[in-house]
Amino acid sequence: ALIAAAVARFGQLDCAFNNAGIEEEHGRLAESDDALFD
């Protein structure tokens, strides 16, 4: 829907910056859990 809205409003999509992300990890690998990984 996001891409469709962009094209509907402005005609085309010239550039995209896929920047959304999270960083919530502050422990060793064996200390992490399934929910954080997912």
Full PDB file with SEQRES, HELIX, SHEET, SSBOND, CRYST1, ORIGX, SCALE, CONECT and MASTER records, all heavy atoms in Angstrom:
SEQRES   1 A   38  ALA LEU ILE ALA ALA ALA VAL ALA ARG PHE GLY GLN LEU          
SEQRES   2 A   38  ASP CYS ALA PHE ASN ASN ALA GLY ILE GLU GLU GLU HIS          
SEQRES   3 A   38  GLY ARG LEU ALA GLU SER ASP ASP ALA LEU PHE ASP              
HELIX    1 AA1 LEU A    2  PHE A   10  1                                   9    
HELIX    2 AA2 LEU A   29  GLU A   31  5                                   3    
HELIX    3 AA3 ASP A   34  PHE A   37  1                                   4    
CRYST1    1.000    1.000    1.000  90.00  90.00  90.00 P 1           1          
ORIGX1      1.000000  0.000000  0.000000        0.00000                         
ORIGX2      0.000000  1.000000  0.000000        0.00000                         
ORIGX3      0.000000  0.000000  1.000000        0.00000                         
SCALE1      1.000000  0.000000  0.000000        0.00000                         
SCALE2      0.000000  1.000000  0.000000        0.00000                         
SCALE3      0.000000  0.000000  1.000000        0.00000                         
ATOM      1  N   ALA A   1       0.828  -1.211   0.000  1.00  0.00           N  
ATOM      2  CA  ALA A   1       0.000   0.000   0.000  1.00  0.00           C  
ATOM      3  C   ALA A   1       0.857   1.254   0.000  1.00  0.00           C  
ATOM      4  O   ALA A   1       0.504   2.266  -0.619  1.00  0.00           O  
ATOM      5  CB  ALA A   1      -0.928  -0.010   1.212  1.00  0.00           C  
ATOM      6  N   LEU A   2       1.994   1.211   0.692  1.00  0.00           N  
ATOM      7  CA  LEU A   2       2.916   2.346   0.725  1.00  0.00           C  
ATOM      8  C   LEU A   2       3.433   2.681  -0.667  1.00  0.00           C  
ATOM      9  O   LEU A   2       3.415   3.848  -1.081  1.00  0.00           O  
ATOM     10  CB  LEU A   2       4.084   2.022   1.662  1.00  0.00           C  
ATOM     11  CG  LEU A   2       5.292   2.961   1.615  1.00  0.00           C  
ATOM     12  CD1 LEU A   2       4.921   4.339   2.151  1.00  0.00           C  
ATOM     13  CD2 LEU A   2       6.454   2.355   2.426  1.00  0.00           C  
ATOM     14  N   ILE A   3       3.883   1.653  -1.394  1.00  0.00           N  
ATOM     15  CA  ILE A   3       4.413   1.892  -2.739  1.00  0.00           C  
ATOM     16  C   ILE A   3       3.296   2.408  -3.652  1.00  0.00           C  
ATOM     17  O   ILE A   3       3.511   3.343  -4.443  1.00  0.00           O  
ATOM     18  CB  ILE A   3       5.028   0.601  -3.327  1.00  0.00           C  
ATOM     19  CG1 ILE A   3       6.059  -0.002  -2.371  1.00  0.00           C  
ATOM     20  CG2 ILE A   3       5.642   0.886  -4.692  1.00  0.00           C  
ATOM     21  CD1 ILE A   3       7.161   0.928  -1.960  1.00  0.00           C  
ATOM     22  N   ALA A   4       2.118   1.823  -3.527  1.00  0.00           N  
ATOM     23  CA  ALA A   4       0.991   2.265  -4.352  1.00  0.00           C  
ATOM     24  C   ALA A   4       0.634   3.718  -4.064  1.00  0.00           C  
ATOM     25  O   ALA A   4       0.336   4.496  -4.984  1.00  0.00           O  
ATOM     26  CB  ALA A   4      -0.213   1.357  -4.107  1.00  0.00           C  
ATOM     27  N   ALA A   5       0.669   4.115  -2.778  1.00  0.00           N  
ATOM     28  CA  ALA A   5       0.345   5.498  -2.411  1.00  0.00           C  
ATOM     29  C   ALA A   5       1.375   6.474  -2.974  1.00  0.00           C  
ATOM     30  O   ALA A   5       1.028   7.556  -3.449  1.00  0.00           O  
ATOM     31  CB  ALA A   5       0.268   5.625  -0.891  1.00  0.00           C  
ATOM     32  N   ALA A   6       2.635   6.086  -2.925  1.00  0.00           N  
ATOM     33  CA  ALA A   6       3.694   6.947  -3.458  1.00  0.00           C  
ATOM     34  C   ALA A   6       3.502   7.180  -4.955  1.00  0.00           C  
ATOM     35  O   ALA A   6       3.603   8.324  -5.443  1.00  0.00           O  
ATOM     36  CB  ALA A   6       5.063   6.317  -3.188  1.00  0.00           C  
ATOM     37  N   VAL A   7       3.220   6.107  -5.692  1.00  0.00           N  
ATOM     38  CA  VAL A   7       3.059   6.211  -7.142  1.00  0.00           C  
ATOM     39  C   VAL A   7       1.774   6.958  -7.494  1.00  0.00           C  
ATOM     40  O   VAL A   7       1.748   7.770  -8.430  1.00  0.00           O  
ATOM     41  CB  VAL A   7       3.094   4.811  -7.785  1.00  0.00           C  
ATOM     42  CG1 VAL A   7       2.803   4.888  -9.277  1.00  0.00           C  
ATOM     43  CG2 VAL A   7       4.457   4.158  -7.543  1.00  0.00           C  
ATOM     44  N   ALA A   8       0.714   6.703  -6.712  1.00  0.00           N  
ATOM     45  CA  ALA A   8      -0.546   7.394  -6.978  1.00  0.00           C  
ATOM     46  C   ALA A   8      -0.407   8.898  -6.786  1.00  0.00           C  
ATOM     47  O   ALA A   8      -0.966   9.695  -7.551  1.00  0.00           O  
ATOM     48  CB  ALA A   8      -1.639   6.842  -6.058  1.00  0.00           C  
ATOM     49  N   ARG A   9       0.356   9.312  -5.766  1.00  0.00           N  
ATOM     50  CA  ARG A   9       0.494  10.742  -5.490  1.00  0.00           C  
ATOM     51  C   ARG A   9       1.482  11.429  -6.433  1.00  0.00           C  
ATOM     52  O   ARG A   9       1.220  12.522  -6.924  1.00  0.00           O  
ATOM     53  CB  ARG A   9       0.961  10.931  -4.041  1.00  0.00           C  
ATOM     54  CG  ARG A   9       1.321  12.373  -3.662  1.00  0.00           C  
ATOM     55  CD  ARG A   9       0.125  13.308  -3.608  1.00  0.00           C  
ATOM     56  NE  ARG A   9      -0.733  12.964  -2.515  1.00  0.00           N  
ATOM     57  CZ  ARG A   9      -0.603  13.466  -1.266  1.00  0.00           C  
ATOM     58  NH1 ARG A   9       0.357  14.329  -0.999  1.00  0.00           N  
ATOM     59  NH2 ARG A   9      -1.439  13.106  -0.315  1.00  0.00           N  
ATOM     60  N   PHE A  10       2.615  10.765  -6.701  1.00  0.00           N  
ATOM     61  CA  PHE A  10       3.702  11.457  -7.393  1.00  0.00           C  
ATOM     62  C   PHE A  10       4.065  10.870  -8.760  1.00  0.00           C  
ATOM     63  O   PHE A  10       4.955  11.381  -9.428  1.00  0.00           O  
ATOM     64  CB  PHE A  10       4.941  11.496  -6.506  1.00  0.00           C  
ATOM     65  CG  PHE A  10       4.728  12.240  -5.214  1.00  0.00           C  
ATOM     66  CD1 PHE A  10       4.883  11.604  -3.994  1.00  0.00           C  
ATOM     67  CD2 PHE A  10       4.360  13.574  -5.219  1.00  0.00           C  
ATOM     68  CE1 PHE A  10       4.691  12.285  -2.805  1.00  0.00           C  
ATOM     69  CE2 PHE A  10       4.162  14.273  -4.035  1.00  0.00           C  
ATOM     70  CZ  PHE A  10       4.323  13.624  -2.816  1.00  0.00           C  
ATOM     71  N   GLY A  11       3.400   9.780  -9.173  1.00  0.00           N  
ATOM     72  CA  GLY A  11       3.567   9.289 -10.536  1.00  0.00           C  
ATOM     73  C   GLY A  11       4.546   8.155 -10.728  1.00  0.00           C  
ATOM     74  O   GLY A  11       4.335   7.288 -11.569  1.00  0.00           O  
ATOM     75  N   GLN A  12       5.650   8.141  -9.959  1.00  0.00           N  
ATOM     76  CA  GLN A  12       6.593   7.048 -10.052  1.00  0.00           C  
ATOM     77  C   GLN A  12       7.466   7.032  -8.799  1.00  0.00           C  
ATOM     78  O   GLN A  12       7.328   7.883  -7.911  1.00  0.00           O  
ATOM     79  CB  GLN A  12       7.464   7.146 -11.295  1.00  0.00           C  
ATOM     80  CG  GLN A  12       8.431   8.316 -11.350  1.00  0.00           C  
ATOM     81  CD  GLN A  12       9.283   8.248 -12.620  1.00  0.00           C  
ATOM     82  OE1 GLN A  12       8.826   7.842 -13.680  1.00  0.00           O  
ATOM     83  NE2 GLN A  12      10.537   8.653 -12.502  1.00  0.00           N  
ATOM     84  N   LEU A  13       8.373   6.070  -8.737  1.00  0.00           N  
ATOM     85  CA  LEU A  13       9.277   5.932  -7.602  1.00  0.00           C  
ATOM     86  C   LEU A  13      10.701   5.958  -8.140  1.00  0.00           C  
ATOM     87  O   LEU A  13      11.139   5.013  -8.791  1.00  0.00           O  
ATOM     88  CB  LEU A  13       9.003   4.627  -6.857  1.00  0.00           C  
ATOM     89  CG  LEU A  13       9.885   4.344  -5.638  1.00  0.00           C  
ATOM     90  CD1 LEU A  13       9.697   5.409  -4.561  1.00  0.00           C  
ATOM     91  CD2 LEU A  13       9.574   2.961  -5.068  1.00  0.00           C  
ATOM     92  N   ASP A  14      11.410   7.036  -7.860  1.00  0.00           N  
ATOM     93  CA  ASP A  14      12.765   7.195  -8.396  1.00  0.00           C  
ATOM     94  C   ASP A  14      13.836   6.625  -7.479  1.00  0.00           C  
ATOM     95  O   ASP A  14      14.785   6.005  -7.955  1.00  0.00           O  
ATOM     96  CB  ASP A  14      13.046   8.676  -8.663  1.00  0.00           C  
ATOM     97  CG  ASP A  14      12.100   9.254  -9.689  1.00  0.00           C  
ATOM     98  OD1 ASP A  14      12.223   8.882 -10.871  1.00  0.00           O  
ATOM     99  OD2 ASP A  14      11.216  10.051  -9.315  1.00  0.00           O  
ATOM    100  N   CYS A  15      13.699   6.858  -6.185  1.00  0.00           N  
ATOM    101  CA  CYS A  15      14.703   6.405  -5.217  1.00  0.00           C  
ATOM    102  C   CYS A  15      14.000   5.881  -3.972  1.00  0.00           C  
ATOM    103  O   CYS A  15      12.937   6.385  -3.591  1.00  0.00           O  
ATOM    104  CB  CYS A  15      15.629   7.539  -4.803  1.00  0.00           C  
ATOM    105  SG  CYS A  15      16.428   8.421  -6.155  1.00  0.00           S  
ATOM    106  N   ALA A  16      14.610   4.889  -3.342  1.00  0.00           N  
ATOM    107  CA  ALA A  16      14.087   4.359  -2.088  1.00  0.00           C  
ATOM    108  C   ALA A  16      15.233   4.141  -1.125  1.00  0.00           C  
ATOM    109  O   ALA A  16      16.269   3.577  -1.495  1.00  0.00           O  
ATOM    110  CB  ALA A  16      13.337   3.052  -2.331  1.00  0.00           C  
ATOM    111  N   PHE A  17      15.052   4.582   0.105  1.00  0.00           N  
ATOM    112  CA  PHE A  17      16.030   4.392   1.167  1.00  0.00           C  
ATOM    113  C   PHE A  17      15.381   3.523   2.231  1.00  0.00           C  
ATOM    114  O   PHE A  17      14.553   3.993   3.010  1.00  0.00           O  
ATOM    115  CB  PHE A  17      16.460   5.738   1.732  1.00  0.00           C  
ATOM    116  CG  PHE A  17      17.457   5.655   2.861  1.00  0.00           C  
ATOM    117  CD1 PHE A  17      18.434   4.674   2.909  1.00  0.00           C  
ATOM    118  CD2 PHE A  17      17.425   6.595   3.886  1.00  0.00           C  
ATOM    119  CE1 PHE A  17      19.350   4.604   3.950  1.00  0.00           C  
ATOM    120  CE2 PHE A  17      18.341   6.558   4.917  1.00  0.00           C  
ATOM    121  CZ  PHE A  17      19.298   5.550   4.954  1.00  0.00           C  
ATOM    122  N   ASN A  18      15.734   2.235   2.232  1.00  0.00           N  
ATOM    123  CA  ASN A  18      15.153   1.281   3.176  1.00  0.00           C  
ATOM    124  C   ASN A  18      15.972   1.303   4.461  1.00  0.00           C  
ATOM    125  O   ASN A  18      16.942   0.582   4.628  1.00  0.00           O  
ATOM    126  CB  ASN A  18      15.127  -0.114   2.549  1.00  0.00           C  
ATOM    127  CG  ASN A  18      14.238  -0.156   1.326  1.00  0.00           C  
ATOM    128  OD1 ASN A  18      13.150   0.421   1.320  1.00  0.00           O  
ATOM    129  ND2 ASN A  18      14.687  -0.813   0.274  1.00  0.00           N  
ATOM    130  N   ASN A  19      15.530   2.145   5.374  1.00  0.00           N  
ATOM    131  CA  ASN A  19      16.308   2.491   6.551  1.00  0.00           C  
ATOM    132  C   ASN A  19      15.718   1.961   7.849  1.00  0.00           C  
ATOM    133  O   ASN A  19      16.420   1.893   8.861  1.00  0.00           O  
ATOM    134  CB  ASN A  19      16.433   4.031   6.604  1.00  0.00           C  
ATOM    135  CG  ASN A  19      17.010   4.523   7.896  1.00  0.00           C  
ATOM    136  OD1 ASN A  19      18.186   4.308   8.178  1.00  0.00           O  
ATOM    137  ND2 ASN A  19      16.196   5.183   8.703  1.00  0.00           N  
ATOM    138  N   ALA A  20      14.446   1.562   7.844  1.00  0.00           N  
ATOM    139  CA  ALA A  20      13.813   1.111   9.087  1.00  0.00           C  
ATOM    140  C   ALA A  20      14.545  -0.097   9.657  1.00  0.00           C  
ATOM    141  O   ALA A  20      14.886  -1.037   8.938  1.00  0.00           O  
ATOM    142  CB  ALA A  20      12.347   0.762   8.821  1.00  0.00           C  
ATOM    143  N   GLY A  21      14.797  -0.047  10.947  1.00  0.00           N  
ATOM    144  CA  GLY A  21      15.482  -1.162  11.594  1.00  0.00           C  
ATOM    145  C   GLY A  21      15.531  -0.956  13.092  1.00  0.00           C  
ATOM    146  O   GLY A  21      15.253   0.140  13.597  1.00  0.00           O  
ATOM    147  N   ILE A  22      15.879  -2.010  13.803  1.00  0.00           N  
ATOM    148  CA  ILE A  22      15.987  -1.932  15.256  1.00  0.00           C  
ATOM    149  C   ILE A  22      17.311  -2.539  15.695  1.00  0.00           C  
ATOM    150  O   ILE A  22      17.924  -3.329  14.983  1.00  0.00           O  
ATOM    151  CB  ILE A  22      14.823  -2.660  15.962  1.00  0.00           C  
ATOM    152  CG1 ILE A  22      14.799  -4.149  15.570  1.00  0.00           C  
ATOM    153  CG2 ILE A  22      13.494  -1.979  15.671  1.00  0.00           C  
ATOM    154  CD1 ILE A  22      13.859  -4.983  16.421  1.00  0.00           C  
ATOM    155  N   GLU A  23      17.739  -2.141  16.892  1.00  0.00           N  
ATOM    156  CA  GLU A  23      18.935  -2.686  17.517  1.00  0.00           C  
ATOM    157  C   GLU A  23      18.653  -2.741  19.015  1.00  0.00           C  
ATOM    158  O   GLU A  23      18.779  -1.735  19.711  1.00  0.00           O  
ATOM    159  CB  GLU A  23      20.147  -1.807  17.205  1.00  0.00           C  
ATOM    160  CG  GLU A  23      21.477  -2.481  17.427  1.00  0.00           C  
ATOM    161  CD  GLU A  23      21.794  -2.699  18.885  1.00  0.00           C  
ATOM    162  OE1 GLU A  23      22.129  -1.743  19.579  1.00  0.00           O  
ATOM    163  OE2 GLU A  23      21.692  -3.868  19.323  1.00  0.00           O  
ATOM    164  N   GLU A  24      18.228  -3.906  19.495  1.00  0.00           N  
ATOM    165  CA  GLU A  24      17.783  -4.036  20.889  1.00  0.00           C  
ATOM    166  C   GLU A  24      18.573  -5.096  21.636  1.00  0.00           C  
ATOM    167  O   GLU A  24      18.102  -5.628  22.638  1.00  0.00           O  
ATOM    168  CB  GLU A  24      16.292  -4.380  20.917  1.00  0.00           C  
ATOM    169  CG  GLU A  24      15.410  -3.336  20.239  1.00  0.00           C  
ATOM    170  CD  GLU A  24      13.954  -3.756  20.176  1.00  0.00           C  
ATOM    171  OE1 GLU A  24      13.669  -4.951  20.421  1.00  0.00           O  
ATOM    172  OE2 GLU A  24      13.104  -2.890  19.893  1.00  0.00           O  
ATOM    173  N   GLU A  25      19.761  -5.397  21.185  1.00  0.00           N  
ATOM    174  CA  GLU A  25      20.518  -6.549  21.682  1.00  0.00           C  
ATOM    175  C   GLU A  25      21.771  -6.069  22.415  1.00  0.00           C  
ATOM    176  O   GLU A  25      22.534  -5.254  21.884  1.00  0.00           O  
ATOM    177  CB  GLU A  25      20.912  -7.416  20.486  1.00  0.00           C  
ATOM    178  CG  GLU A  25      21.607  -8.709  20.832  1.00  0.00           C  
ATOM    179  CD  GLU A  25      21.981  -9.464  19.563  1.00  0.00           C  
ATOM    180  OE1 GLU A  25      21.927  -8.866  18.470  1.00  0.00           O  
ATOM    181  OE2 GLU A  25      22.340 -10.636  19.682  1.00  0.00           O  
ATOM    182  N   HIS A  26      21.975  -6.574  23.625  1.00  0.00           N  
ATOM    183  CA  HIS A  26      23.130  -6.135  24.418  1.00  0.00           C  
ATOM    184  C   HIS A  26      23.693  -7.283  25.251  1.00  0.00           C  
ATOM    185  O   HIS A  26      24.137  -7.083  26.378  1.00  0.00           O  
ATOM    186  CB  HIS A  26      22.730  -4.971  25.335  1.00  0.00           C  
ATOM    187  CG  HIS A  26      22.150  -3.816  24.590  1.00  0.00           C  
ATOM    188  ND1 HIS A  26      22.918  -2.924  23.877  1.00  0.00           N  
ATOM    189  CD2 HIS A  26      20.859  -3.436  24.407  1.00  0.00           C  
ATOM    190  CE1 HIS A  26      22.134  -2.023  23.302  1.00  0.00           C  
ATOM    191  NE2 HIS A  26      20.886  -2.308  23.603  1.00  0.00           N  
ATOM    192  N   GLY A  27      23.687  -8.490  24.695  1.00  0.00           N  
ATOM    193  CA  GLY A  27      24.203  -9.629  25.435  1.00  0.00           C  
ATOM    194  C   GLY A  27      24.799 -10.672  24.512  1.00  0.00           C  
ATOM    195  O   GLY A  27      24.644 -10.610  23.292  1.00  0.00           O  
ATOM    196  N   ARG A  28      25.488 -11.632  25.117  1.00  0.00           N  
ATOM    197  CA  ARG A  28      26.103 -12.687  24.318  1.00  0.00           C  
ATOM    198  C   ARG A  28      25.042 -13.573  23.668  1.00  0.00           C  
ATOM    199  O   ARG A  28      23.911 -13.653  24.118  1.00  0.00           O  
ATOM    200  CB  ARG A  28      27.038 -13.523  25.199  1.00  0.00           C  
ATOM    201  CG  ARG A  28      28.249 -12.753  25.695  1.00  0.00           C  
ATOM    202  CD  ARG A  28      29.188 -13.657  26.488  1.00  0.00           C  
ATOM    203  NE  ARG A  28      30.378 -12.942  26.893  1.00  0.00           N  
ATOM    204  CZ  ARG A  28      30.485 -12.239  28.019  1.00  0.00           C  
ATOM    205  NH1 ARG A  28      29.456 -12.184  28.862  1.00  0.00           N  
ATOM    206  NH2 ARG A  28      31.608 -11.619  28.313  1.00  0.00           N  
ATOM    207  N   LEU A  29      25.464 -14.240  22.598  1.00  0.00           N  
ATOM    208  CA  LEU A  29      24.523 -14.997  21.772  1.00  0.00           C  
ATOM    209  C   LEU A  29      23.697 -15.990  22.591  1.00  0.00           C  
ATOM    210  O   LEU A  29      22.483 -16.098  22.415  1.00  0.00           O  
ATOM    211  CB  LEU A  29      25.286 -15.726  20.661  1.00  0.00           C  
ATOM    212  CG  LEU A  29      24.450 -16.359  19.546  1.00  0.00           C  
ATOM    213  CD1 LEU A  29      25.205 -16.331  18.233  1.00  0.00           C  
ATOM    214  CD2 LEU A  29      24.081 -17.805  19.888  1.00  0.00           C  
ATOM    215  N   ALA A  30      24.328 -16.724  23.517  1.00  0.00           N  
ATOM    216  CA  ALA A  30      23.607 -17.742  24.292  1.00  0.00           C  
ATOM    217  C   ALA A  30      22.603 -17.136  25.259  1.00  0.00           C  
ATOM    218  O   ALA A  30      21.745 -17.850  25.791  1.00  0.00           O  
ATOM    219  CB  ALA A  30      24.600 -18.613  25.058  1.00  0.00           C  
ATOM    220  N   GLU A  31      22.681 -15.825  25.478  1.00  0.00           N  
ATOM    221  CA  GLU A  31      21.758 -15.153  26.390  1.00  0.00           C  
ATOM    222  C   GLU A  31      20.530 -14.617  25.678  1.00  0.00           C  
ATOM    223  O   GLU A  31      19.583 -14.166  26.327  1.00  0.00           O  
ATOM    224  CB  GLU A  31      22.482 -13.999  27.089  1.00  0.00           C  
ATOM    225  CG  GLU A  31      23.695 -14.436  27.906  1.00  0.00           C  
ATOM    226  CD  GLU A  31      24.578 -13.265  28.297  1.00  0.00           C  
ATOM    227  OE1 GLU A  31      24.259 -12.110  27.920  1.00  0.00           O  
ATOM    228  OE2 GLU A  31      25.590 -13.499  28.984  1.00  0.00           O  
ATOM    229  N   SER A  32      20.522 -14.635  24.345  1.00  0.00           N  
ATOM    230  CA  SER A  32      19.405 -14.083  23.594  1.00  0.00           C  
ATOM    231  C   SER A  32      18.243 -15.066  23.556  1.00  0.00           C  
ATOM    232  O   SER A  32      18.377 -16.234  23.918  1.00  0.00           O  
ATOM    233  CB  SER A  32      19.843 -13.716  22.174  1.00  0.00           C  
ATOM    234  OG  SER A  32      20.446 -14.815  21.541  1.00  0.00           O  
ATOM    235  N   ASP A  33      17.077 -14.580  23.121  1.00  0.00           N  
ATOM    236  CA  ASP A  33      15.892 -15.437  23.127  1.00  0.00           C  
ATOM    237  C   ASP A  33      15.170 -15.417  21.783  1.00  0.00           C  
ATOM    238  O   ASP A  33      15.476 -14.614  20.902  1.00  0.00           O  
ATOM    239  CB  ASP A  33      14.932 -15.052  24.259  1.00  0.00           C  
ATOM    240  CG  ASP A  33      14.467 -13.607  24.176  1.00  0.00           C  
ATOM    241  OD1 ASP A  33      14.266 -13.096  23.059  1.00  0.00           O  
ATOM    242  OD2 ASP A  33      14.292 -12.984  25.238  1.00  0.00           O  
ATOM    243  N   ASP A  34      14.213 -16.317  21.652  1.00  0.00           N  
ATOM    244  CA  ASP A  34      13.485 -16.473  20.386  1.00  0.00           C  
ATOM    245  C   ASP A  34      12.751 -15.199  19.982  1.00  0.00           C  
ATOM    246  O   ASP A  34      12.731 -14.822  18.799  1.00  0.00           O  
ATOM    247  CB  ASP A  34      12.470 -17.613  20.502  1.00  0.00           C  
ATOM    248  CG  ASP A  34      13.120 -18.969  20.616  1.00  0.00           C  
ATOM    249  OD1 ASP A  34      14.348 -19.026  20.813  1.00  0.00           O  
ATOM    250  OD2 ASP A  34      12.395 -19.981  20.531  1.00  0.00           O  
ATOM    251  N   ALA A  35      12.143 -14.525  20.957  1.00  0.00           N  
ATOM    252  CA  ALA A  35      11.343 -13.343  20.633  1.00  0.00           C  
ATOM    253  C   ALA A  35      12.209 -12.238  20.049  1.00  0.00           C  
ATOM    254  O   ALA A  35      11.827 -11.577  19.073  1.00  0.00           O  
ATOM    255  CB  ALA A  35      10.619 -12.848  21.880  1.00  0.00           C  
ATOM    256  N   LEU A  36      13.396 -12.031  20.619  1.00  0.00           N  
ATOM    257  CA  LEU A  36      14.301 -11.015  20.104  1.00  0.00           C  
ATOM    258  C   LEU A  36      14.759 -11.359  18.688  1.00  0.00           C  
ATOM    259  O   LEU A  36      14.785 -10.503  17.802  1.00  0.00           O  
ATOM    260  CB  LEU A  36      15.516 -10.863  21.019  1.00  0.00           C  
ATOM    261  CG  LEU A  36      16.594  -9.885  20.545  1.00  0.00           C  
ATOM    262  CD1 LEU A  36      16.050  -8.474  20.448  1.00  0.00           C  
ATOM    263  CD2 LEU A  36      17.808  -9.928  21.478  1.00  0.00           C  
ATOM    264  N   PHE A  37      15.116 -12.627  18.484  1.00  0.00           N  
ATOM    265  CA  PHE A  37      15.546 -13.063  17.153  1.00  0.00           C  
ATOM    266  C   PHE A  37      14.446 -12.817  16.122  1.00  0.00           C  
ATOM    267  O   PHE A  37      14.701 -12.246  15.047  1.00  0.00           O  
ATOM    268  CB  PHE A  37      15.920 -14.549  17.176  1.00  0.00           C  
ATOM    269  CG  PHE A  37      16.418 -15.075  15.859  1.00  0.00           C  
ATOM    270  CD1 PHE A  37      17.769 -15.083  15.567  1.00  0.00           C  
ATOM    271  CD2 PHE A  37      15.528 -15.549  14.900  1.00  0.00           C  
ATOM    272  CE1 PHE A  37      18.234 -15.559  14.347  1.00  0.00           C  
ATOM    273  CE2 PHE A  37      15.968 -16.023  13.681  1.00  0.00           C  
ATOM    274  CZ  PHE A  37      17.329 -16.028  13.402  1.00  0.00           C  
ATOM    275  N   ASP A  38      13.233 -13.238  16.453  1.00  0.00           N  
ATOM    276  CA  ASP A  38      12.128 -13.103  15.502  1.00  0.00           C  
ATOM    277  C   ASP A  38      11.826 -11.638  15.200  1.00  0.00           C  
ATOM    278  O   ASP A  38      11.574 -11.269  14.042  1.00  0.00           O  
ATOM    279  CB  ASP A  38      10.874 -13.790  16.046  1.00  0.00           C  
ATOM    280  CG  ASP A  38      11.010 -15.304  16.076  1.00  0.00           C  
ATOM    281  OD1 ASP A  38      11.925 -15.839  15.424  1.00  0.00           O  
ATOM    282  OD2 ASP A  38      10.201 -15.959  16.773  1.00  0.00           O  
TER     283      ASP A  38                                                      
MASTER        0    0    0    3    0    0    0    6  282    1    0    3          
END                                                                             
